[in-house]
């Protein structure tokens, strides 16, 4: 029950930040943006104190750890793969253009049109 209250309070704080943005429409933009950021920050802090917030934080940390394990391709591998994909796209475009032109020619001959 306490976690639900924390989540509702977090949502209300977020809403208050956005409401402050519109309420302070006569103020400088920096103050309006600060209102949104303050509401967002307070909402994040409040949410992080709940059990779902702690679970989300743990999930985020695990995701970051898994991302660090990824073996990213080298520049050479990236350029080679990009070149192969580009060449394949050009070949397929030419093939489809030839098929389209051939079918257009066949249809025109079947309909008795010259050209």
N, C-alpha and C. Protein backbone atom coordinates (compact mmCIF):
# COMPACT_ATOMS: atom_id res chain seq x y z
N UNK A 1 0.82 -1.19 0.00
CA UNK A 1 0.00 0.00 0.00
C UNK A 1 0.87 1.25 0.00
N UNK A 2 1.96 1.23 0.77
CA UNK A 2 2.85 2.39 0.84
C UNK A 2 3.49 2.67 -0.52
N UNK A 3 3.80 1.60 -1.26
CA UNK A 3 4.40 1.78 -2.58
C UNK A 3 3.42 2.46 -3.54
N UNK A 4 2.16 2.10 -3.44
CA UNK A 4 1.16 2.74 -4.31
C UNK A 4 1.04 4.22 -3.99
N UNK A 5 1.10 4.55 -2.71
CA UNK A 5 1.04 5.97 -2.32
C UNK A 5 2.25 6.71 -2.86
N UNK A 6 3.44 6.10 -2.78
CA UNK A 6 4.65 6.74 -3.29
C UNK A 6 4.56 6.96 -4.81
N UNK A 7 4.00 5.99 -5.50
CA UNK A 7 3.86 6.13 -6.96
C UNK A 7 2.87 7.23 -7.29
N UNK A 8 1.77 7.30 -6.56
CA UNK A 8 0.78 8.36 -6.80
C UNK A 8 1.40 9.72 -6.50
N UNK A 9 2.15 9.83 -5.41
CA UNK A 9 2.81 11.08 -5.07
C UNK A 9 3.82 11.46 -6.16
N UNK A 10 4.54 10.48 -6.68
CA UNK A 10 5.50 10.75 -7.76
C UNK A 10 4.77 11.29 -8.98
N UNK A 11 3.65 10.70 -9.33
CA UNK A 11 2.88 11.18 -10.48
C UNK A 11 2.35 12.59 -10.23
N UNK A 12 1.91 12.86 -9.01
CA UNK A 12 1.42 14.20 -8.67
C UNK A 12 2.54 15.23 -8.75
N UNK A 13 3.73 14.86 -8.30
CA UNK A 13 4.87 15.77 -8.41
C UNK A 13 5.23 16.05 -9.86
N UNK A 14 5.18 15.03 -10.68
CA UNK A 14 5.44 15.20 -12.10
C UNK A 14 4.39 16.13 -12.71
N UNK A 15 3.14 15.89 -12.38
CA UNK A 15 2.05 16.73 -12.86
C UNK A 15 2.23 18.17 -12.37
N UNK A 16 2.66 18.34 -11.12
CA UNK A 16 2.86 19.68 -10.56
C UNK A 16 3.96 20.42 -11.32
N UNK A 17 4.99 19.70 -11.72
CA UNK A 17 6.05 20.33 -12.51
C UNK A 17 5.54 20.86 -13.83
N UNK A 18 4.73 20.06 -14.51
CA UNK A 18 4.16 20.51 -15.78
C UNK A 18 3.14 21.61 -15.56
N UNK A 19 2.36 21.51 -14.51
CA UNK A 19 1.39 22.55 -14.20
C UNK A 19 2.10 23.86 -13.91
N UNK A 20 3.24 23.79 -13.21
CA UNK A 20 4.02 24.99 -12.94
C UNK A 20 4.51 25.64 -14.22
N UNK A 21 4.82 24.84 -15.22
CA UNK A 21 5.26 25.38 -16.51
C UNK A 21 4.20 26.29 -17.10
N UNK A 22 2.95 25.85 -17.04
CA UNK A 22 1.87 26.65 -17.61
C UNK A 22 1.41 27.76 -16.66
N UNK A 23 1.52 27.52 -15.37
CA UNK A 23 1.12 28.53 -14.38
C UNK A 23 2.06 29.72 -14.42
N UNK A 24 3.31 29.47 -14.71
CA UNK A 24 4.32 30.53 -14.74
C UNK A 24 4.54 31.07 -16.15
N UNK A 25 3.49 31.15 -16.94
CA UNK A 25 3.65 31.55 -18.33
C UNK A 25 4.17 32.97 -18.50
N UNK A 26 4.01 33.83 -17.49
CA UNK A 26 4.52 35.20 -17.56
C UNK A 26 5.99 35.28 -17.13
N UNK A 27 6.52 34.20 -16.59
CA UNK A 27 7.91 34.19 -16.12
C UNK A 27 8.86 33.86 -17.26
N UNK A 28 10.14 33.98 -16.96
CA UNK A 28 11.17 33.66 -17.95
C UNK A 28 11.13 32.16 -18.25
N UNK A 29 11.54 31.81 -19.44
CA UNK A 29 11.50 30.41 -19.87
C UNK A 29 12.38 29.54 -18.97
N UNK A 30 13.48 30.06 -18.50
CA UNK A 30 14.37 29.27 -17.65
C UNK A 30 13.66 28.86 -16.36
N UNK A 31 12.84 29.72 -15.84
CA UNK A 31 12.09 29.40 -14.62
C UNK A 31 11.03 28.36 -14.92
N UNK A 32 10.39 28.47 -16.07
CA UNK A 32 9.36 27.49 -16.45
C UNK A 32 9.98 26.11 -16.64
N UNK A 33 11.13 26.07 -17.30
CA UNK A 33 11.82 24.79 -17.52
C UNK A 33 12.31 24.24 -16.19
N UNK A 34 12.80 25.11 -15.32
CA UNK A 34 13.25 24.66 -14.00
C UNK A 34 12.09 24.04 -13.22
N UNK A 35 10.89 24.58 -13.41
CA UNK A 35 9.71 24.01 -12.75
C UNK A 35 9.48 22.57 -13.20
N UNK A 36 9.58 22.34 -14.48
CA UNK A 36 9.39 20.99 -15.02
C UNK A 36 10.50 20.06 -14.51
N UNK A 37 11.74 20.54 -14.55
CA UNK A 37 12.85 19.71 -14.10
C UNK A 37 12.77 19.41 -12.61
N UNK A 38 12.33 20.40 -11.82
CA UNK A 38 12.18 20.17 -10.38
C UNK A 38 11.10 19.13 -10.11
N UNK A 39 9.97 19.23 -10.82
CA UNK A 39 8.91 18.24 -10.67
C UNK A 39 9.37 16.87 -11.09
N UNK A 40 10.09 16.80 -12.20
CA UNK A 40 10.60 15.52 -12.68
C UNK A 40 11.60 14.92 -11.69
N UNK A 41 12.51 15.76 -11.18
CA UNK A 41 13.49 15.27 -10.21
C UNK A 41 12.84 14.77 -8.94
N UNK A 42 11.87 15.54 -8.42
CA UNK A 42 11.18 15.11 -7.20
C UNK A 42 10.40 13.82 -7.44
N UNK A 43 9.81 13.69 -8.63
CA UNK A 43 9.06 12.47 -8.96
C UNK A 43 10.00 11.27 -9.04
N UNK A 44 11.17 11.46 -9.61
CA UNK A 44 12.13 10.36 -9.74
C UNK A 44 12.62 9.93 -8.36
N UNK A 45 12.93 10.90 -7.51
CA UNK A 45 13.39 10.56 -6.16
C UNK A 45 12.31 9.82 -5.40
N UNK A 46 11.07 10.30 -5.50
CA UNK A 46 9.96 9.65 -4.79
C UNK A 46 9.73 8.24 -5.33
N UNK A 47 9.75 8.10 -6.65
CA UNK A 47 9.53 6.79 -7.25
C UNK A 47 10.64 5.82 -6.88
N UNK A 48 11.87 6.33 -6.81
CA UNK A 48 13.00 5.44 -6.50
C UNK A 48 12.94 4.89 -5.08
N UNK A 49 12.15 5.50 -4.21
CA UNK A 49 12.00 5.01 -2.85
C UNK A 49 10.99 3.87 -2.74
N UNK A 50 10.25 3.61 -3.82
CA UNK A 50 9.27 2.52 -3.79
C UNK A 50 9.93 1.23 -4.27
N UNK A 51 9.29 0.11 -4.01
CA UNK A 51 9.82 -1.19 -4.44
C UNK A 51 9.92 -1.29 -5.96
N UNK A 52 8.87 -0.88 -6.73
CA UNK A 52 9.03 -0.91 -8.19
C UNK A 52 10.17 -0.01 -8.67
N UNK A 53 10.40 1.10 -7.97
CA UNK A 53 11.51 1.97 -8.34
C UNK A 53 12.85 1.30 -8.11
N UNK A 54 12.99 0.58 -6.99
CA UNK A 54 14.23 -0.14 -6.72
C UNK A 54 14.43 -1.27 -7.73
N UNK A 55 13.34 -1.94 -8.10
CA UNK A 55 13.44 -3.01 -9.10
C UNK A 55 13.87 -2.44 -10.45
N UNK A 56 13.30 -1.29 -10.80
CA UNK A 56 13.67 -0.65 -12.06
C UNK A 56 15.15 -0.24 -12.04
N UNK A 57 15.60 0.27 -10.92
CA UNK A 57 17.01 0.66 -10.81
C UNK A 57 17.91 -0.57 -10.96
N UNK A 58 17.55 -1.67 -10.32
CA UNK A 58 18.33 -2.90 -10.47
C UNK A 58 18.34 -3.39 -11.90
N UNK A 59 17.19 -3.34 -12.56
CA UNK A 59 17.10 -3.74 -13.96
C UNK A 59 17.99 -2.85 -14.83
N UNK A 60 17.98 -1.55 -14.55
CA UNK A 60 18.81 -0.62 -15.32
C UNK A 60 20.29 -0.94 -15.15
N UNK A 61 20.70 -1.23 -13.92
CA UNK A 61 22.10 -1.55 -13.67
C UNK A 61 22.51 -2.83 -14.40
N UNK A 62 21.63 -3.84 -14.40
CA UNK A 62 21.91 -5.08 -15.12
C UNK A 62 22.00 -4.84 -16.63
N UNK A 63 21.13 -3.98 -17.14
CA UNK A 63 21.15 -3.67 -18.57
C UNK A 63 22.45 -2.99 -18.96
N UNK A 64 22.91 -2.07 -18.13
CA UNK A 64 24.18 -1.39 -18.40
C UNK A 64 25.33 -2.40 -18.39
N UNK A 65 25.31 -3.31 -17.43
CA UNK A 65 26.37 -4.33 -17.35
C UNK A 65 26.36 -5.21 -18.60
N UNK A 66 25.18 -5.59 -19.08
CA UNK A 66 25.08 -6.42 -20.29
C UNK A 66 25.55 -5.66 -21.52
N UNK A 67 25.25 -4.37 -21.58
CA UNK A 67 25.67 -3.56 -22.73
C UNK A 67 27.19 -3.48 -22.79
N UNK A 68 27.84 -3.44 -21.65
CA UNK A 68 29.30 -3.39 -21.62
C UNK A 68 29.93 -4.69 -22.11
N UNK A 69 29.19 -5.78 -22.09
CA UNK A 69 29.70 -7.07 -22.54
C UNK A 69 29.64 -7.23 -24.07
N UNK A 70 28.90 -6.36 -24.73
CA UNK A 70 28.72 -6.48 -26.17
C UNK A 70 30.04 -6.19 -26.87
N UNK A 71 30.35 -7.00 -27.87
CA UNK A 71 31.55 -6.79 -28.68
C UNK A 71 31.12 -6.01 -29.91
N UNK A 72 31.48 -4.73 -29.94
CA UNK A 72 31.08 -3.87 -31.04
C UNK A 72 32.02 -4.09 -32.23
N UNK A 73 31.50 -3.97 -33.46
CA UNK A 73 32.37 -4.18 -34.63
C UNK A 73 33.40 -3.06 -34.77
N UNK A 74 34.51 -3.41 -35.42
CA UNK A 74 35.54 -2.41 -35.66
C UNK A 74 35.09 -1.50 -36.80
N UNK A 75 35.83 -0.43 -37.00
CA UNK A 75 35.49 0.50 -38.09
C UNK A 75 35.56 -0.21 -39.44
N UNK A 76 36.58 -1.05 -39.62
CA UNK A 76 36.74 -1.77 -40.88
C UNK A 76 35.55 -2.70 -41.12
N UNK A 77 35.14 -3.45 -40.10
CA UNK A 77 33.99 -4.35 -40.24
C UNK A 77 32.71 -3.58 -40.55
N UNK A 78 32.54 -2.45 -39.91
CA UNK A 78 31.35 -1.63 -40.15
C UNK A 78 31.32 -1.12 -41.59
N UNK A 79 32.46 -0.62 -42.07
CA UNK A 79 32.51 -0.12 -43.45
C UNK A 79 32.30 -1.24 -44.46
N UNK A 80 32.87 -2.41 -44.20
CA UNK A 80 32.68 -3.54 -45.12
C UNK A 80 31.22 -3.97 -45.17
N UNK A 81 30.60 -4.07 -44.01
CA UNK A 81 29.19 -4.48 -43.96
C UNK A 81 28.31 -3.44 -44.65
N UNK A 82 28.59 -2.16 -44.41
CA UNK A 82 27.82 -1.10 -45.05
C UNK A 82 27.98 -1.16 -46.56
N UNK A 83 29.20 -1.41 -47.02
CA UNK A 83 29.45 -1.52 -48.46
C UNK A 83 28.69 -2.69 -49.08
N UNK A 84 28.66 -3.82 -48.40
CA UNK A 84 27.93 -4.99 -48.91
C UNK A 84 26.44 -4.69 -48.98
N UNK A 85 25.91 -4.07 -47.95
CA UNK A 85 24.48 -3.74 -47.94
C UNK A 85 24.17 -2.76 -49.06
N UNK A 86 25.02 -1.74 -49.23
CA UNK A 86 24.79 -0.76 -50.29
C UNK A 86 24.83 -1.42 -51.67
N UNK A 87 25.81 -2.29 -51.90
CA UNK A 87 25.90 -3.00 -53.19
C UNK A 87 24.67 -3.87 -53.42
N UNK A 88 24.21 -4.56 -52.38
CA UNK A 88 23.02 -5.39 -52.50
C UNK A 88 21.80 -4.55 -52.86
N UNK A 89 21.67 -3.39 -52.25
CA UNK A 89 20.53 -2.51 -52.54
C UNK A 89 20.58 -2.05 -53.99
N UNK A 90 21.76 -1.70 -54.49
CA UNK A 90 21.89 -1.26 -55.88
C UNK A 90 21.54 -2.40 -56.83
N UNK A 91 22.04 -3.60 -56.56
CA UNK A 91 21.74 -4.75 -57.42
C UNK A 91 20.25 -5.05 -57.41
N UNK A 92 19.63 -5.04 -56.25
CA UNK A 92 18.19 -5.31 -56.17
C UNK A 92 17.38 -4.22 -56.87
N UNK A 93 17.81 -2.97 -56.77
CA UNK A 93 17.10 -1.88 -57.45
C UNK A 93 17.17 -2.08 -58.96
N UNK A 94 18.34 -2.43 -59.45
CA UNK A 94 18.47 -2.69 -60.90
C UNK A 94 17.63 -3.89 -61.32
N UNK A 95 17.65 -4.95 -60.53
CA UNK A 95 16.85 -6.13 -60.85
C UNK A 95 15.36 -5.80 -60.89
N UNK A 96 14.88 -5.09 -59.88
CA UNK A 96 13.46 -4.75 -59.85
C UNK A 96 13.09 -3.79 -60.99
N UNK A 97 14.01 -2.88 -61.35
CA UNK A 97 13.75 -1.99 -62.47
C UNK A 97 13.65 -2.78 -63.77
N UNK A 98 14.53 -3.77 -63.96
CA UNK A 98 14.48 -4.61 -65.16
C UNK A 98 13.20 -5.44 -65.20
N UNK A 99 12.80 -6.01 -64.08
CA UNK A 99 11.57 -6.80 -64.03
C UNK A 99 10.37 -5.90 -64.33
N UNK A 100 10.33 -4.71 -63.73
CA UNK A 100 9.23 -3.78 -63.96
C UNK A 100 9.17 -3.35 -65.43
N UNK A 101 10.31 -3.04 -66.00
CA UNK A 101 10.36 -2.64 -67.41
C UNK A 101 9.92 -3.79 -68.31
N UNK A 102 10.38 -5.00 -67.98
CA UNK A 102 9.98 -6.16 -68.79
C UNK A 102 8.48 -6.43 -68.70
N UNK A 103 7.92 -6.37 -67.51
CA UNK A 103 6.47 -6.58 -67.36
C UNK A 103 5.68 -5.49 -68.07
N UNK A 104 6.16 -4.25 -68.01
CA UNK A 104 5.48 -3.16 -68.72
C UNK A 104 5.49 -3.42 -70.22
N UNK A 105 6.62 -3.88 -70.74
CA UNK A 105 6.72 -4.18 -72.17
C UNK A 105 5.75 -5.30 -72.55
N UNK A 106 5.68 -6.36 -71.72
CA UNK A 106 4.79 -7.49 -72.00
C UNK A 106 3.33 -7.03 -71.98
N UNK A 107 2.96 -6.25 -70.98
CA UNK A 107 1.57 -5.78 -70.88
C UNK A 107 1.22 -4.90 -72.07
N UNK A 108 2.12 -4.02 -72.47
CA UNK A 108 1.86 -3.16 -73.63
C UNK A 108 1.68 -4.01 -74.90
N UNK A 109 2.49 -5.06 -75.06
CA UNK A 109 2.36 -5.93 -76.24
C UNK A 109 1.02 -6.68 -76.20
N UNK A 110 0.62 -7.14 -75.02
CA UNK A 110 -0.65 -7.86 -74.90
C UNK A 110 -1.84 -6.96 -75.17
N UNK A 111 -1.72 -5.69 -74.85
CA UNK A 111 -2.81 -4.74 -75.09
C UNK A 111 -2.76 -4.13 -76.48
N UNK A 112 -1.72 -4.46 -77.23
CA UNK A 112 -1.63 -4.02 -78.61
C UNK A 112 -1.09 -2.61 -78.76
N UNK A 113 -0.50 -2.10 -77.73
CA UNK A 113 0.08 -0.77 -77.81
C UNK A 113 1.53 -0.88 -78.25
N UNK A 114 1.99 0.06 -79.03
CA UNK A 114 3.40 0.03 -79.44
C UNK A 114 4.21 0.82 -78.42
N UNK A 115 5.46 0.56 -78.40
CA UNK A 115 6.29 1.37 -77.53
C UNK A 115 7.20 0.57 -76.76
